[in-house]
């Protein structure tokens, strides 16, 4: 986040979540000394129960807030994406990771 305070970083995160139409848990803000800004991380649940559907859902959520994604990880057990082309002013880069839920098999 290109913000100078934790509070402003959380407001940017809320704008991002609004655009994604998602609620978040486990929000965490950490300083990012390289730019003087902050990194905000959070978790959100997906609606999909099947793994393949969850992968597509995660990618679609990413497309709501960014474009030009670089896909990373394994599509079978830990896909992710990274982009520095966001659609939310003040958010300089964004990344997502899909974690497999041991109970349902989805993310």
N, C-alpha and C. Protein backbone atom coordinates (compact mmCIF):
# COMPACT_ATOMS: atom_id res chain seq x y z
N UNK A 1 0.84 -1.17 0.00
CA UNK A 1 0.00 0.00 0.00
C UNK A 1 0.88 1.24 0.00
N UNK A 2 0.49 2.19 -0.77
CA UNK A 2 1.21 3.45 -0.81
C UNK A 2 0.53 4.40 0.17
N UNK A 3 0.64 4.08 1.45
CA UNK A 3 0.03 4.88 2.51
C UNK A 3 1.08 5.12 3.58
N UNK A 4 0.95 6.20 4.29
CA UNK A 4 1.96 6.56 5.29
C UNK A 4 1.59 6.12 6.70
N UNK A 5 0.37 5.63 6.90
CA UNK A 5 -0.03 5.15 8.23
C UNK A 5 -0.74 3.81 8.11
N UNK A 6 -0.76 3.08 9.21
CA UNK A 6 -1.48 1.80 9.24
C UNK A 6 -2.96 2.02 8.99
N UNK A 7 -3.52 3.08 9.58
CA UNK A 7 -4.94 3.36 9.42
C UNK A 7 -5.32 3.58 7.95
N UNK A 8 -4.51 4.36 7.24
CA UNK A 8 -4.79 4.60 5.82
C UNK A 8 -4.61 3.33 5.01
N UNK A 9 -3.65 2.50 5.40
CA UNK A 9 -3.46 1.21 4.71
C UNK A 9 -4.68 0.33 4.87
N UNK A 10 -5.25 0.31 6.07
CA UNK A 10 -6.46 -0.49 6.30
C UNK A 10 -7.64 0.05 5.51
N UNK A 11 -7.73 1.38 5.34
CA UNK A 11 -8.80 1.95 4.53
C UNK A 11 -8.64 1.55 3.06
N UNK A 12 -7.39 1.52 2.57
CA UNK A 12 -7.15 1.05 1.20
C UNK A 12 -7.54 -0.41 1.07
N UNK A 13 -7.23 -1.20 2.08
CA UNK A 13 -7.60 -2.61 2.08
C UNK A 13 -9.11 -2.76 2.03
N UNK A 14 -9.83 -1.94 2.78
CA UNK A 14 -11.29 -1.99 2.75
C UNK A 14 -11.83 -1.64 1.37
N UNK A 15 -11.23 -0.67 0.68
CA UNK A 15 -11.65 -0.33 -0.69
C UNK A 15 -11.42 -1.52 -1.62
N UNK A 16 -10.28 -2.18 -1.44
CA UNK A 16 -9.97 -3.37 -2.23
C UNK A 16 -11.00 -4.47 -1.99
N UNK A 17 -11.33 -4.72 -0.72
CA UNK A 17 -12.31 -5.75 -0.38
C UNK A 17 -13.70 -5.38 -0.90
N UNK A 18 -14.05 -4.11 -0.86
CA UNK A 18 -15.34 -3.66 -1.42
C UNK A 18 -15.41 -4.00 -2.91
N UNK A 19 -14.33 -3.73 -3.62
CA UNK A 19 -14.31 -4.03 -5.05
C UNK A 19 -14.39 -5.53 -5.30
N UNK A 20 -13.81 -6.32 -4.40
CA UNK A 20 -13.87 -7.77 -4.53
C UNK A 20 -15.22 -8.32 -4.06
N UNK A 21 -15.99 -7.49 -3.35
CA UNK A 21 -17.26 -7.90 -2.75
C UNK A 21 -17.06 -9.06 -1.77
N UNK A 22 -16.00 -8.91 -0.92
CA UNK A 22 -15.64 -9.95 0.04
C UNK A 22 -15.40 -9.33 1.41
N UNK A 23 -15.64 -10.15 2.45
CA UNK A 23 -15.24 -9.82 3.80
C UNK A 23 -13.90 -10.51 4.05
N UNK A 24 -13.18 -10.02 5.04
CA UNK A 24 -11.86 -10.60 5.32
C UNK A 24 -11.70 -10.87 6.80
N UNK A 25 -10.86 -11.84 7.08
CA UNK A 25 -10.47 -12.11 8.46
C UNK A 25 -8.94 -12.08 8.51
N UNK A 26 -8.43 -12.11 9.71
CA UNK A 26 -6.98 -12.16 9.91
C UNK A 26 -6.24 -11.02 9.24
N UNK A 27 -6.80 -9.80 9.24
CA UNK A 27 -6.10 -8.66 8.66
C UNK A 27 -4.84 -8.37 9.48
N UNK A 28 -3.76 -8.13 8.76
CA UNK A 28 -2.50 -7.82 9.43
C UNK A 28 -1.77 -6.74 8.63
N UNK A 29 -1.27 -5.73 9.31
CA UNK A 29 -0.55 -4.62 8.67
C UNK A 29 0.90 -4.66 9.16
N UNK A 30 1.82 -4.59 8.20
CA UNK A 30 3.24 -4.57 8.54
C UNK A 30 3.92 -3.48 7.73
N UNK A 31 4.90 -2.78 8.33
CA UNK A 31 5.66 -1.78 7.57
C UNK A 31 6.43 -2.43 6.42
N UNK A 32 6.60 -1.69 5.35
CA UNK A 32 7.39 -2.14 4.21
C UNK A 32 8.50 -1.11 4.00
N UNK A 33 9.64 -1.31 4.66
CA UNK A 33 10.70 -0.29 4.67
C UNK A 33 11.23 0.10 3.29
N UNK A 34 11.16 -0.80 2.33
CA UNK A 34 11.69 -0.53 1.00
C UNK A 34 11.03 0.70 0.36
N UNK A 35 9.72 0.89 0.62
CA UNK A 35 9.00 2.01 0.01
C UNK A 35 8.49 3.02 1.04
N UNK A 36 8.57 2.67 2.30
CA UNK A 36 8.00 3.53 3.33
C UNK A 36 6.51 3.33 3.51
N UNK A 37 5.94 2.38 2.78
CA UNK A 37 4.51 2.09 2.89
C UNK A 37 4.26 0.91 3.81
N UNK A 38 3.17 0.21 3.56
CA UNK A 38 2.78 -0.91 4.38
C UNK A 38 2.33 -2.08 3.51
N UNK A 39 2.41 -3.28 4.09
CA UNK A 39 1.86 -4.48 3.49
C UNK A 39 0.67 -4.89 4.34
N UNK A 40 -0.46 -5.11 3.71
CA UNK A 40 -1.65 -5.58 4.42
C UNK A 40 -1.96 -6.97 3.89
N UNK A 41 -2.11 -7.91 4.81
CA UNK A 41 -2.49 -9.26 4.41
C UNK A 41 -3.81 -9.61 5.08
N UNK A 42 -4.55 -10.50 4.45
CA UNK A 42 -5.84 -10.92 4.99
C UNK A 42 -6.21 -12.27 4.39
N UNK A 43 -7.20 -12.89 4.98
CA UNK A 43 -7.74 -14.15 4.46
C UNK A 43 -9.22 -13.94 4.15
N UNK A 44 -9.70 -14.65 3.16
CA UNK A 44 -11.11 -14.60 2.81
C UNK A 44 -11.54 -16.00 2.38
N UNK A 45 -12.79 -16.31 2.58
CA UNK A 45 -13.29 -17.63 2.20
C UNK A 45 -13.90 -17.57 0.81
N UNK A 46 -13.78 -18.68 0.12
CA UNK A 46 -14.39 -18.82 -1.20
C UNK A 46 -15.68 -19.62 -1.08
N UNK A 47 -16.57 -19.44 -2.04
CA UNK A 47 -17.84 -20.16 -2.04
C UNK A 47 -17.70 -21.57 -2.61
N UNK A 48 -16.74 -21.76 -3.49
CA UNK A 48 -16.59 -23.03 -4.20
C UNK A 48 -16.15 -24.15 -3.26
N UNK A 49 -16.73 -25.31 -3.45
CA UNK A 49 -16.36 -26.48 -2.65
C UNK A 49 -15.38 -27.38 -3.40
N UNK A 50 -15.44 -27.40 -4.72
CA UNK A 50 -14.51 -28.23 -5.50
C UNK A 50 -13.25 -27.44 -5.80
N UNK A 51 -12.11 -28.11 -5.77
CA UNK A 51 -10.81 -27.46 -5.94
C UNK A 51 -10.72 -26.69 -7.26
N UNK A 52 -11.09 -27.30 -8.36
CA UNK A 52 -10.99 -26.63 -9.66
C UNK A 52 -11.82 -25.35 -9.68
N UNK A 53 -13.01 -25.40 -9.11
CA UNK A 53 -13.87 -24.23 -9.05
C UNK A 53 -13.26 -23.14 -8.17
N UNK A 54 -12.62 -23.56 -7.08
CA UNK A 54 -11.98 -22.60 -6.17
C UNK A 54 -10.82 -21.88 -6.86
N UNK A 55 -10.07 -22.60 -7.68
CA UNK A 55 -8.97 -21.98 -8.43
C UNK A 55 -9.52 -20.90 -9.36
N UNK A 56 -10.56 -21.21 -10.08
CA UNK A 56 -11.17 -20.23 -10.99
C UNK A 56 -11.75 -19.06 -10.20
N UNK A 57 -12.41 -19.33 -9.07
CA UNK A 57 -12.97 -18.26 -8.25
C UNK A 57 -11.88 -17.33 -7.74
N UNK A 58 -10.76 -17.88 -7.29
CA UNK A 58 -9.65 -17.06 -6.80
C UNK A 58 -9.10 -16.17 -7.91
N UNK A 59 -8.96 -16.73 -9.09
CA UNK A 59 -8.47 -15.93 -10.22
C UNK A 59 -9.46 -14.83 -10.59
N UNK A 60 -10.74 -15.13 -10.54
CA UNK A 60 -11.76 -14.14 -10.87
C UNK A 60 -11.77 -13.01 -9.84
N UNK A 61 -11.57 -13.34 -8.56
CA UNK A 61 -11.49 -12.30 -7.54
C UNK A 61 -10.29 -11.39 -7.81
N UNK A 62 -9.18 -11.99 -8.19
CA UNK A 62 -8.00 -11.20 -8.52
C UNK A 62 -8.26 -10.24 -9.66
N UNK A 63 -9.02 -10.69 -10.65
CA UNK A 63 -9.30 -9.85 -11.81
C UNK A 63 -10.20 -8.67 -11.48
N UNK A 64 -10.89 -8.73 -10.35
CA UNK A 64 -11.72 -7.59 -9.94
C UNK A 64 -10.86 -6.42 -9.46
N UNK A 65 -9.62 -6.70 -9.05
CA UNK A 65 -8.79 -5.66 -8.46
C UNK A 65 -7.44 -5.47 -9.15
N UNK A 66 -7.17 -6.26 -10.18
CA UNK A 66 -5.90 -6.13 -10.87
C UNK A 66 -5.93 -6.82 -12.22
N UNK A 67 -4.87 -6.61 -12.99
CA UNK A 67 -4.75 -7.24 -14.30
C UNK A 67 -3.26 -7.47 -14.59
N UNK A 68 -2.96 -8.20 -15.65
CA UNK A 68 -1.58 -8.51 -15.96
C UNK A 68 -0.97 -9.46 -14.95
N UNK A 69 -1.75 -10.40 -14.47
CA UNK A 69 -1.31 -11.31 -13.41
C UNK A 69 -0.21 -12.25 -13.88
N UNK A 70 0.74 -12.48 -13.00
CA UNK A 70 1.74 -13.53 -13.18
C UNK A 70 1.32 -14.67 -12.27
N UNK A 71 1.05 -15.82 -12.85
CA UNK A 71 0.64 -16.97 -12.04
C UNK A 71 1.87 -17.65 -11.47
N UNK A 72 1.76 -18.10 -10.22
CA UNK A 72 2.87 -18.75 -9.52
C UNK A 72 2.36 -19.99 -8.82
N UNK A 73 3.26 -20.85 -8.41
CA UNK A 73 2.88 -22.04 -7.65
C UNK A 73 2.33 -23.14 -8.53
N UNK A 74 1.81 -24.16 -7.88
CA UNK A 74 1.25 -25.32 -8.56
C UNK A 74 -0.27 -25.24 -8.54
N UNK A 75 -0.90 -25.43 -9.68
CA UNK A 75 -2.35 -25.39 -9.76
C UNK A 75 -2.97 -26.53 -8.96
N UNK A 76 -2.21 -27.58 -8.70
CA UNK A 76 -2.74 -28.74 -7.98
C UNK A 76 -2.77 -28.56 -6.47
N UNK A 77 -1.84 -27.79 -5.91
CA UNK A 77 -1.84 -27.70 -4.44
C UNK A 77 -1.40 -26.36 -3.87
N UNK A 78 -1.33 -25.32 -4.64
CA UNK A 78 -0.96 -24.04 -4.07
C UNK A 78 -0.77 -22.95 -5.10
N UNK A 79 -1.78 -22.71 -5.94
CA UNK A 79 -1.63 -21.67 -6.95
C UNK A 79 -1.67 -20.28 -6.33
N UNK A 80 -1.10 -19.34 -7.05
CA UNK A 80 -1.13 -17.96 -6.60
C UNK A 80 -0.94 -17.04 -7.79
N UNK A 81 -1.02 -15.76 -7.51
CA UNK A 81 -0.82 -14.77 -8.55
C UNK A 81 -0.25 -13.50 -7.95
N UNK A 82 0.43 -12.73 -8.79
CA UNK A 82 1.01 -11.45 -8.38
C UNK A 82 0.84 -10.45 -9.51
N UNK A 83 0.54 -9.20 -9.14
CA UNK A 83 0.42 -8.15 -10.14
C UNK A 83 0.78 -6.80 -9.53
N UNK A 84 1.39 -5.95 -10.32
CA UNK A 84 1.60 -4.56 -9.90
C UNK A 84 0.75 -3.62 -10.75
N UNK A 85 -0.29 -4.18 -11.33
CA UNK A 85 -1.25 -3.40 -12.13
C UNK A 85 -2.62 -3.51 -11.46
N UNK A 86 -2.81 -2.69 -10.45
CA UNK A 86 -4.05 -2.77 -9.69
C UNK A 86 -5.04 -1.72 -10.15
N UNK A 87 -6.30 -1.94 -9.82
CA UNK A 87 -7.35 -1.00 -10.19
C UNK A 87 -7.80 -0.16 -9.00
N UNK A 88 -7.09 -0.28 -7.88
CA UNK A 88 -7.39 0.51 -6.69
C UNK A 88 -6.24 1.47 -6.46
N UNK A 89 -6.50 2.76 -6.62
CA UNK A 89 -5.46 3.77 -6.44
C UNK A 89 -4.85 3.67 -5.04
N UNK A 90 -3.53 3.67 -4.98
CA UNK A 90 -2.83 3.56 -3.70
C UNK A 90 -2.34 2.15 -3.41
N UNK A 91 -2.88 1.17 -4.12
CA UNK A 91 -2.41 -0.21 -3.97
C UNK A 91 -1.37 -0.42 -5.07
N UNK A 92 -0.12 -0.61 -4.67
CA UNK A 92 0.98 -0.68 -5.63
C UNK A 92 1.18 -2.08 -6.21
N UNK A 93 0.97 -3.10 -5.43
CA UNK A 93 1.03 -4.47 -5.95
C UNK A 93 0.14 -5.34 -5.09
N UNK A 94 -0.21 -6.48 -5.65
CA UNK A 94 -1.15 -7.36 -4.97
C UNK A 94 -0.79 -8.81 -5.30
N UNK A 95 -1.00 -9.67 -4.34
CA UNK A 95 -0.75 -11.09 -4.54
C UNK A 95 -1.84 -11.89 -3.87
N UNK A 96 -2.11 -13.07 -4.42
CA UNK A 96 -3.06 -13.98 -3.79
C UNK A 96 -2.47 -15.38 -3.80
N UNK A 97 -2.88 -16.16 -2.81
CA UNK A 97 -2.48 -17.56 -2.71
C UNK A 97 -3.70 -18.35 -2.30
N UNK A 98 -3.92 -19.49 -2.93
CA UNK A 98 -5.04 -20.35 -2.59
C UNK A 98 -4.52 -21.51 -1.76
N UNK A 99 -5.05 -21.64 -0.55
CA UNK A 99 -4.64 -22.73 0.34
C UNK A 99 -5.72 -23.79 0.34
N UNK A 100 -5.31 -25.03 0.25
CA UNK A 100 -6.26 -26.14 0.23
C UNK A 100 -6.84 -26.33 1.62
N UNK A 101 -8.16 -26.42 1.70
CA UNK A 101 -8.87 -26.68 2.95
C UNK A 101 -8.89 -28.19 3.16
N UNK A 102 -8.30 -28.62 4.24
CA UNK A 102 -8.18 -30.07 4.50
C UNK A 102 -9.53 -30.76 4.65
N UNK A 103 -10.56 -30.02 5.05
CA UNK A 103 -11.87 -30.64 5.31
C UNK A 103 -12.69 -30.84 4.04
N UNK A 104 -12.66 -29.85 3.16
CA UNK A 104 -13.53 -29.95 1.98
C UNK A 104 -12.78 -30.26 0.70
N UNK A 105 -11.47 -30.07 0.73
CA UNK A 105 -10.69 -30.30 -0.48
C UNK A 105 -10.59 -29.07 -1.34
N UNK A 106 -11.35 -28.02 -1.01
CA UNK A 106 -11.29 -26.79 -1.79
C UNK A 106 -10.51 -25.75 -1.01
N UNK A 107 -10.45 -24.53 -1.59
CA UNK A 107 -9.72 -23.43 -0.97
C UNK A 107 -10.55 -22.68 0.02
